[in-house]
């Protein structure tokens, strides 16, 4: 089980400028929708953007604290 606040902190460690929102989709603490907006994504492919976020959450994913993750990334407008 993971807390949304923990995911935000983990992502912002890797992407300090990121604006992150996390929604617990089932209330179970293991199915999340994560939206990340960061200028660090500028010029990166969508795959590379997602890899950066996955790298930030690697411990949560490895321990299966996150079972399902819907991920959206973008650059600021």
PDB file of N, CA and C in Angstrom:
ATOM      1  N   UNK A   1       0.843  -1.178   0.000  1.00  0.00           N
ATOM      2  CA  UNK A   1       0.000   0.000   0.000  1.00  0.00           C
ATOM      3  C   UNK A   1       0.890   1.243   0.000  1.00  0.00           C
ATOM      4  N   UNK A   2       0.499   2.214  -0.792  1.00  0.00           N
ATOM      5  CA  UNK A   2       1.248   3.466  -0.876  1.00  0.00           C
ATOM      6  C   UNK A   2       0.299   4.633  -0.617  1.00  0.00           C
ATOM      7  N   UNK A   3       0.847   5.703  -0.099  1.00  0.00           N
ATOM      8  CA  UNK A   3       0.074   6.929   0.107  1.00  0.00           C
ATOM      9  C   UNK A   3       0.357   7.896  -1.042  1.00  0.00           C
ATOM     10  N   UNK A   4      -0.658   8.593  -1.526  1.00  0.00           N
ATOM     11  CA  UNK A   4      -0.436   9.555  -2.607  1.00  0.00           C
ATOM     12  C   UNK A   4       0.686  10.548  -2.294  1.00  0.00           C
ATOM     13  N   UNK A   5       0.771  10.987  -1.053  1.00  0.00           N
ATOM     14  CA  UNK A   5       1.816  11.951  -0.671  1.00  0.00           C
ATOM     15  C   UNK A   5       3.211  11.360  -0.857  1.00  0.00           C
ATOM     16  N   UNK A   6       3.364  10.072  -0.576  1.00  0.00           N
ATOM     17  CA  UNK A   6       4.657   9.411  -0.754  1.00  0.00           C
ATOM     18  C   UNK A   6       5.063   9.380  -2.228  1.00  0.00           C
ATOM     19  N   UNK A   7       4.085   9.158  -3.105  1.00  0.00           N
ATOM     20  CA  UNK A   7       4.372   9.125  -4.536  1.00  0.00           C
ATOM     21  C   UNK A   7       4.775  10.505  -5.034  1.00  0.00           C
ATOM     22  N   UNK A   8       4.092  11.528  -4.555  1.00  0.00           N
ATOM     23  CA  UNK A   8       4.429  12.908  -4.945  1.00  0.00           C
ATOM     24  C   UNK A   8       5.861  13.231  -4.522  1.00  0.00           C
ATOM     25  N   UNK A   9       6.215  12.903  -3.309  1.00  0.00           N
ATOM     26  CA  UNK A   9       7.563  13.174  -2.801  1.00  0.00           C
ATOM     27  C   UNK A   9       8.610  12.439  -3.637  1.00  0.00           C
ATOM     28  N   UNK A  10       8.359  11.167  -3.939  1.00  0.00           N
ATOM     29  CA  UNK A  10       9.313  10.369  -4.713  1.00  0.00           C
ATOM     30  C   UNK A  10       9.519  10.962  -6.109  1.00  0.00           C
ATOM     31  N   UNK A  11       8.448  11.389  -6.745  1.00  0.00           N
ATOM     32  CA  UNK A  11       8.551  11.974  -8.092  1.00  0.00           C
ATOM     33  C   UNK A  11       9.282  13.304  -8.038  1.00  0.00           C
ATOM     34  N   UNK A  12       8.985  14.119  -7.041  1.00  0.00           N
ATOM     35  CA  UNK A  12       9.623  15.430  -6.952  1.00  0.00           C
ATOM     36  C   UNK A  12      11.098  15.344  -6.566  1.00  0.00           C
ATOM     37  N   UNK A  13      11.531  14.232  -6.030  1.00  0.00           N
ATOM     38  CA  UNK A  13      12.972  14.039  -5.785  1.00  0.00           C
ATOM     39  C   UNK A  13      13.723  13.945  -7.115  1.00  0.00           C
ATOM     40  N   UNK A  14      13.116  13.292  -8.092  1.00  0.00           N
ATOM     41  CA  UNK A  14      13.731  13.123  -9.407  1.00  0.00           C
ATOM     42  C   UNK A  14      13.444  14.329 -10.305  1.00  0.00           C
ATOM     43  N   UNK A  15      12.256  14.899 -10.170  1.00  0.00           N
ATOM     44  CA  UNK A  15      11.826  16.035 -10.984  1.00  0.00           C
ATOM     45  C   UNK A  15      11.388  17.164 -10.053  1.00  0.00           C
ATOM     46  N   UNK A  16      12.346  17.915  -9.509  1.00  0.00           N
ATOM     47  CA  UNK A  16      12.031  18.916  -8.482  1.00  0.00           C
ATOM     48  C   UNK A  16      11.012  19.981  -8.894  1.00  0.00           C
ATOM     49  N   UNK A  17      10.936  20.289 -10.185  1.00  0.00           N
ATOM     50  CA  UNK A  17      10.002  21.330 -10.636  1.00  0.00           C
ATOM     51  C   UNK A  17       8.610  20.780 -10.939  1.00  0.00           C
ATOM     52  N   UNK A  18       8.422  19.488 -10.776  1.00  0.00           N
ATOM     53  CA  UNK A  18       7.184  18.836 -11.195  1.00  0.00           C
ATOM     54  C   UNK A  18       5.970  19.262 -10.375  1.00  0.00           C
ATOM     55  N   UNK A  19       4.877  19.436 -11.089  1.00  0.00           N
ATOM     56  CA  UNK A  19       3.563  19.567 -10.461  1.00  0.00           C
ATOM     57  C   UNK A  19       2.933  18.188 -10.600  1.00  0.00           C
ATOM     58  N   UNK A  20       2.621  17.585  -9.473  1.00  0.00           N
ATOM     59  CA  UNK A  20       2.172  16.195  -9.457  1.00  0.00           C
ATOM     60  C   UNK A  20       0.816  16.097  -8.777  1.00  0.00           C
ATOM     61  N   UNK A  21      -0.100  15.376  -9.416  1.00  0.00           N
ATOM     62  CA  UNK A  21      -1.359  15.019  -8.767  1.00  0.00           C
ATOM     63  C   UNK A  21      -1.464  13.500  -8.786  1.00  0.00           C
ATOM     64  N   UNK A  22      -1.971  12.971  -7.693  1.00  0.00           N
ATOM     65  CA  UNK A  22      -2.122  11.519  -7.558  1.00  0.00           C
ATOM     66  C   UNK A  22      -3.532  11.242  -7.071  1.00  0.00           C
ATOM     67  N   UNK A  23      -4.208  10.341  -7.764  1.00  0.00           N
ATOM     68  CA  UNK A  23      -5.544   9.924  -7.351  1.00  0.00           C
ATOM     69  C   UNK A  23      -5.530   8.422  -7.077  1.00  0.00           C
ATOM     70  N   UNK A  24      -6.004   8.039  -5.906  1.00  0.00           N
ATOM     71  CA  UNK A  24      -6.154   6.628  -5.543  1.00  0.00           C
ATOM     72  C   UNK A  24      -7.453   6.160  -6.187  1.00  0.00           C
ATOM     73  N   UNK A  25      -7.347   5.360  -7.233  1.00  0.00           N
ATOM     74  CA  UNK A  25      -8.513   5.017  -8.051  1.00  0.00           C
ATOM     75  C   UNK A  25      -9.516   4.100  -7.374  1.00  0.00           C
ATOM     76  N   UNK A  26      -9.066   3.252  -6.480  1.00  0.00           N
ATOM     77  CA  UNK A  26      -9.984   2.294  -5.845  1.00  0.00           C
ATOM     78  C   UNK A  26     -10.068   2.480  -4.337  1.00  0.00           C
ATOM     79  N   UNK A  27      -9.306   3.416  -3.790  1.00  0.00           N
ATOM     80  CA  UNK A  27      -9.296   3.591  -2.349  1.00  0.00           C
ATOM     81  C   UNK A  27      -8.527   2.505  -1.625  1.00  0.00           C
ATOM     82  N   UNK A  28      -7.834   1.676  -2.389  1.00  0.00           N
ATOM     83  CA  UNK A  28      -7.104   0.545  -1.807  1.00  0.00           C
ATOM     84  C   UNK A  28      -5.624   0.836  -1.595  1.00  0.00           C
ATOM     85  N   UNK A  29      -5.154   1.973  -2.109  1.00  0.00           N
ATOM     86  CA  UNK A  29      -3.759   2.340  -1.922  1.00  0.00           C
ATOM     87  C   UNK A  29      -2.796   1.626  -2.843  1.00  0.00           C
ATOM     88  N   UNK A  30      -3.312   0.988  -3.913  1.00  0.00           N
ATOM     89  CA  UNK A  30      -2.393   0.333  -4.849  1.00  0.00           C
ATOM     90  C   UNK A  30      -2.753   0.531  -6.321  1.00  0.00           C
ATOM     91  N   UNK A  31      -3.830   1.254  -6.605  1.00  0.00           N
ATOM     92  CA  UNK A  31      -4.228   1.596  -7.972  1.00  0.00           C
ATOM     93  C   UNK A  31      -4.281   3.124  -8.074  1.00  0.00           C
ATOM     94  N   UNK A  32      -3.392   3.693  -8.890  1.00  0.00           N
ATOM     95  CA  UNK A  32      -3.262   5.147  -8.931  1.00  0.00           C
ATOM     96  C   UNK A  32      -3.319   5.707 -10.340  1.00  0.00           C
ATOM     97  N   UNK A  33      -3.810   6.934 -10.418  1.00  0.00           N
ATOM     98  CA  UNK A  33      -3.656   7.752 -11.618  1.00  0.00           C
ATOM     99  C   UNK A  33      -2.723   8.888 -11.213  1.00  0.00           C
ATOM    100  N   UNK A  34      -1.639   9.051 -11.966  1.00  0.00           N
ATOM    101  CA  UNK A  34      -0.628  10.052 -11.654  1.00  0.00           C
ATOM    102  C   UNK A  34      -0.461  10.977 -12.852  1.00  0.00           C
ATOM    103  N   UNK A  35      -0.540  12.272 -12.586  1.00  0.00           N
ATOM    104  CA  UNK A  35      -0.327  13.294 -13.614  1.00  0.00           C
ATOM    105  C   UNK A  35       0.895  14.109 -13.213  1.00  0.00           C
ATOM    106  N   UNK A  36       1.848  14.220 -14.134  1.00  0.00           N
ATOM    107  CA  UNK A  36       3.094  14.922 -13.843  1.00  0.00           C
ATOM    108  C   UNK A  36       3.343  15.958 -14.940  1.00  0.00           C
ATOM    109  N   UNK A  37       3.522  17.200 -14.518  1.00  0.00           N
ATOM    110  CA  UNK A  37       3.869  18.291 -15.436  1.00  0.00           C
ATOM    111  C   UNK A  37       5.251  18.780 -15.031  1.00  0.00           C
ATOM    112  N   UNK A  38       6.194  18.739 -15.979  1.00  0.00           N
ATOM    113  CA  UNK A  38       7.564  19.151 -15.672  1.00  0.00           C
ATOM    114  C   UNK A  38       8.243  19.711 -16.915  1.00  0.00           C
ATOM    115  N   UNK A  39       9.008  20.774 -16.730  1.00  0.00           N
ATOM    116  CA  UNK A  39       9.787  21.328 -17.836  1.00  0.00           C
ATOM    117  C   UNK A  39      10.915  20.375 -18.229  1.00  0.00           C
ATOM    118  N   UNK A  40      11.291  19.453 -17.357  1.00  0.00           N
ATOM    119  CA  UNK A  40      12.338  18.467 -17.660  1.00  0.00           C
ATOM    120  C   UNK A  40      11.914  17.519 -18.777  1.00  0.00           C
ATOM    121  N   UNK A  41      10.624  17.452 -19.078  1.00  0.00           N
ATOM    122  CA  UNK A  41      10.126  16.592 -20.145  1.00  0.00           C
ATOM    123  C   UNK A  41      10.300  17.220 -21.530  1.00  0.00           C
ATOM    124  N   UNK A  42      10.619  18.501 -21.570  1.00  0.00           N
ATOM    125  CA  UNK A  42      10.736  19.199 -22.845  1.00  0.00           C
ATOM    126  C   UNK A  42      11.786  18.523 -23.730  1.00  0.00           C
ATOM    127  N   UNK A  43      11.384  18.148 -24.931  1.00  0.00           N
ATOM    128  CA  UNK A  43      12.284  17.512 -25.887  1.00  0.00           C
ATOM    129  C   UNK A  43      12.419  16.006 -25.723  1.00  0.00           C
ATOM    130  N   UNK A  44      11.796  15.443 -24.695  1.00  0.00           N
ATOM    131  CA  UNK A  44      11.872  13.999 -24.471  1.00  0.00           C
ATOM    132  C   UNK A  44      10.668  13.291 -25.086  1.00  0.00           C
ATOM    133  N   UNK A  45      10.888  12.084 -25.552  1.00  0.00           N
ATOM    134  CA  UNK A  45       9.775  11.279 -26.051  1.00  0.00           C
ATOM    135  C   UNK A  45       8.868  10.906 -24.877  1.00  0.00           C
ATOM    136  N   UNK A  46       7.652  10.522 -25.195  1.00  0.00           N
ATOM    137  CA  UNK A  46       6.710  10.100 -24.161  1.00  0.00           C
ATOM    138  C   UNK A  46       7.266   8.906 -23.381  1.00  0.00           C
ATOM    139  N   UNK A  47       7.917   7.997 -24.089  1.00  0.00           N
ATOM    140  CA  UNK A  47       8.514   6.831 -23.425  1.00  0.00           C
ATOM    141  C   UNK A  47       9.567   7.279 -22.415  1.00  0.00           C
ATOM    142  N   UNK A  48      10.442   8.207 -22.790  1.00  0.00           N
ATOM    143  CA  UNK A  48      11.490   8.689 -21.882  1.00  0.00           C
ATOM    144  C   UNK A  48      10.884   9.435 -20.689  1.00  0.00           C
ATOM    145  N   UNK A  49       9.816  10.213 -20.937  1.00  0.00           N
ATOM    146  CA  UNK A  49       9.126  10.903 -19.849  1.00  0.00           C
ATOM    147  C   UNK A  49       8.621   9.888 -18.824  1.00  0.00           C
ATOM    148  N   UNK A  50       7.973   8.848 -19.320  1.00  0.00           N
ATOM    149  CA  UNK A  50       7.435   7.826 -18.427  1.00  0.00           C
ATOM    150  C   UNK A  50       8.550   7.084 -17.707  1.00  0.00           C
ATOM    151  N   UNK A  51       9.666   6.842 -18.393  1.00  0.00           N
ATOM    152  CA  UNK A  51      10.792   6.164 -17.749  1.00  0.00           C
ATOM    153  C   UNK A  51      11.313   6.970 -16.561  1.00  0.00           C
ATOM    154  N   UNK A  52      11.343   8.289 -16.694  1.00  0.00           N
ATOM    155  CA  UNK A  52      11.789   9.129 -15.581  1.00  0.00           C
ATOM    156  C   UNK A  52      10.879   8.974 -14.368  1.00  0.00           C
ATOM    157  N   UNK A  53       9.577   8.953 -14.621  1.00  0.00           N
ATOM    158  CA  UNK A  53       8.623   8.804 -13.514  1.00  0.00           C
ATOM    159  C   UNK A  53       8.716   7.394 -12.920  1.00  0.00           C
ATOM    160  N   UNK A  54       8.809   6.390 -13.782  1.00  0.00           N
ATOM    161  CA  UNK A  54       8.953   5.020 -13.274  1.00  0.00           C
ATOM    162  C   UNK A  54      10.218   4.873 -12.440  1.00  0.00           C
ATOM    163  N   UNK A  55      11.295   5.541 -12.856  1.00  0.00           N
ATOM    164  CA  UNK A  55      12.536   5.453 -12.070  1.00  0.00           C
ATOM    165  C   UNK A  55      12.328   6.059 -10.685  1.00  0.00           C
ATOM    166  N   UNK A  56      11.523   7.103 -10.602  1.00  0.00           N
ATOM    167  CA  UNK A  56      11.233   7.722  -9.306  1.00  0.00           C
ATOM    168  C   UNK A  56      10.406   6.805  -8.410  1.00  0.00           C
ATOM    169  N   UNK A  57       9.605   5.973  -9.023  1.00  0.00           N
ATOM    170  CA  UNK A  57       8.697   5.096  -8.268  1.00  0.00           C
ATOM    171  C   UNK A  57       9.183   3.648  -8.200  1.00  0.00           C
ATOM    172  N   UNK A  58      10.443   3.426  -8.578  1.00  0.00           N
ATOM    173  CA  UNK A  58      10.939   2.054  -8.693  1.00  0.00           C
ATOM    174  C   UNK A  58      10.786   1.235  -7.417  1.00  0.00           C
ATOM    175  N   UNK A  59      11.004   1.829  -6.256  1.00  0.00           N
ATOM    176  CA  UNK A  59      10.861   1.076  -5.007  1.00  0.00           C
ATOM    177  C   UNK A  59       9.411   0.701  -4.752  1.00  0.00           C
ATOM    178  N   UNK A  60       8.502   1.620  -5.033  1.00  0.00           N
ATOM    179  CA  UNK A  60       7.077   1.332  -4.852  1.00  0.00           C
ATOM    180  C   UNK A  60       6.614   0.241  -5.820  1.00  0.00           C
ATOM    181  N   UNK A  61       7.165   0.244  -7.018  1.00  0.00           N
ATOM    182  CA  UNK A  61       6.794  -0.767  -8.004  1.00  0.00           C
ATOM    183  C   UNK A  61       7.418  -2.124  -7.667  1.00  0.00           C
ATOM    184  N   UNK A  62       8.666  -2.112  -7.235  1.00  0.00           N
ATOM    185  CA  UNK A  62       9.369  -3.360  -6.926  1.00  0.00           C
ATOM    186  C   UNK A  62       8.734  -4.105  -5.758  1.00  0.00           C
ATOM    187  N   UNK A  63       8.231  -3.357  -4.779  1.00  0.00           N
ATOM    188  CA  UNK A  63       7.616  -3.990  -3.614  1.00  0.00           C
ATOM    189  C   UNK A  63       6.134  -4.269  -3.835  1.00  0.00           C
ATOM    190  N   UNK A  64       5.644  -3.915  -5.022  1.00  0.00           N
ATOM    191  CA  UNK A  64       4.239  -4.069  -5.394  1.00  0.00           C
ATOM    192  C   UNK A  64       3.307  -3.246  -4.523  1.00  0.00           C
ATOM    193  N   UNK A  65       3.840  -2.166  -3.937  1.00  0.00           N
ATOM    194  CA  UNK A  65       2.982  -1.212  -3.234  1.00  0.00           C
ATOM    195  C   UNK A  65       2.050  -0.549  -4.247  1.00  0.00           C
ATOM    196  N   UNK A  66       2.521  -0.457  -5.486  1.00  0.00           N
ATOM    197  CA  UNK A  66       1.686   0.010  -6.602  1.00  0.00           C
ATOM    198  C   UNK A  66       1.392  -1.197  -7.470  1.00  0.00           C
ATOM    199  N   UNK A  67       0.121  -1.515  -7.608  1.00  0.00           N
ATOM    200  CA  UNK A  67      -0.284  -2.645  -8.436  1.00  0.00           C
ATOM    201  C   UNK A  67      -0.636  -2.173  -9.845  1.00  0.00           C
ATOM    202  N   UNK A  68      -1.273  -1.008  -9.955  1.00  0.00           N
ATOM    203  CA  UNK A  68      -1.668  -0.459 -11.257  1.00  0.00           C
ATOM    204  C   UNK A  68      -1.393   1.043 -11.264  1.00  0.00           C
ATOM    205  N   UNK A  69      -0.902   1.518 -12.407  1.00  0.00           N
ATOM    206  CA  UNK A  69      -0.531   2.915 -12.531  1.00  0.00           C
ATOM    207  C   UNK A  69      -0.955   3.453 -13.881  1.00  0.00           C
ATOM    208  N   UNK A  70      -1.854   4.436 -13.858  1.00  0.00           N
ATOM    209  CA  UNK A  70      -2.221   5.176 -15.070  1.00  0.00           C
ATOM    210  C   UNK A  70      -1.397   6.462 -15.020  1.00  0.00           C
ATOM    211  N   UNK A  71      -0.526   6.651 -15.998  1.00  0.00           N
ATOM    212  CA  UNK A  71       0.432   7.746 -15.957  1.00  0.00           C
ATOM    213  C   UNK A  71       0.230   8.697 -17.125  1.00  0.00           C
ATOM    214  N   UNK A  72       0.158   9.997 -16.806  1.00  0.00           N
ATOM    215  CA  UNK A  72       0.075  11.050 -17.808  1.00  0.00           C
ATOM    216  C   UNK A  72       1.198  12.028 -17.527  1.00  0.00           C
ATOM    217  N   UNK A  73       1.964  12.375 -18.569  1.00  0.00           N
ATOM    218  CA  UNK A  73       3.036  13.340 -18.414  1.00  0.00           C
ATOM    219  C   UNK A  73       2.880  14.441 -19.457  1.00  0.00           C
ATOM    220  N   UNK A  74       3.344  15.649 -19.098  1.00  0.00           N
ATOM    221  CA  UNK A  74       3.298  16.760 -20.051  1.00  0.00           C
ATOM    222  C   UNK A  74       4.267  17.839 -19.602  1.00  0.00           C
ATOM    223  N   UNK A  75       4.513  18.793 -20.516  1.00  0.00           N
ATOM    224  CA  UNK A  75       5.330  19.949 -20.191  1.00  0.00           C
ATOM    225  C   UNK A  75       4.401  21.107 -19.876  1.00  0.00           C
ATOM    226  N   UNK A  76       4.870  22.092 -19.095  1.00  0.00           N
ATOM    227  CA  UNK A  76       4.027  23.236 -18.775  1.00  0.00           C
ATOM    228  C   UNK A  76       3.686  24.026 -20.036  1.00  0.00           C
ATOM    229  N   UNK A  77       2.512  24.622 -20.035  1.00  0.00           N
ATOM    230  CA  UNK A  77       2.085  25.437 -21.182  1.00  0.00           C
ATOM    231  C   UNK A  77       2.347  26.887 -20.907  1.00  0.00           C
TER     232      UNK A  77
END
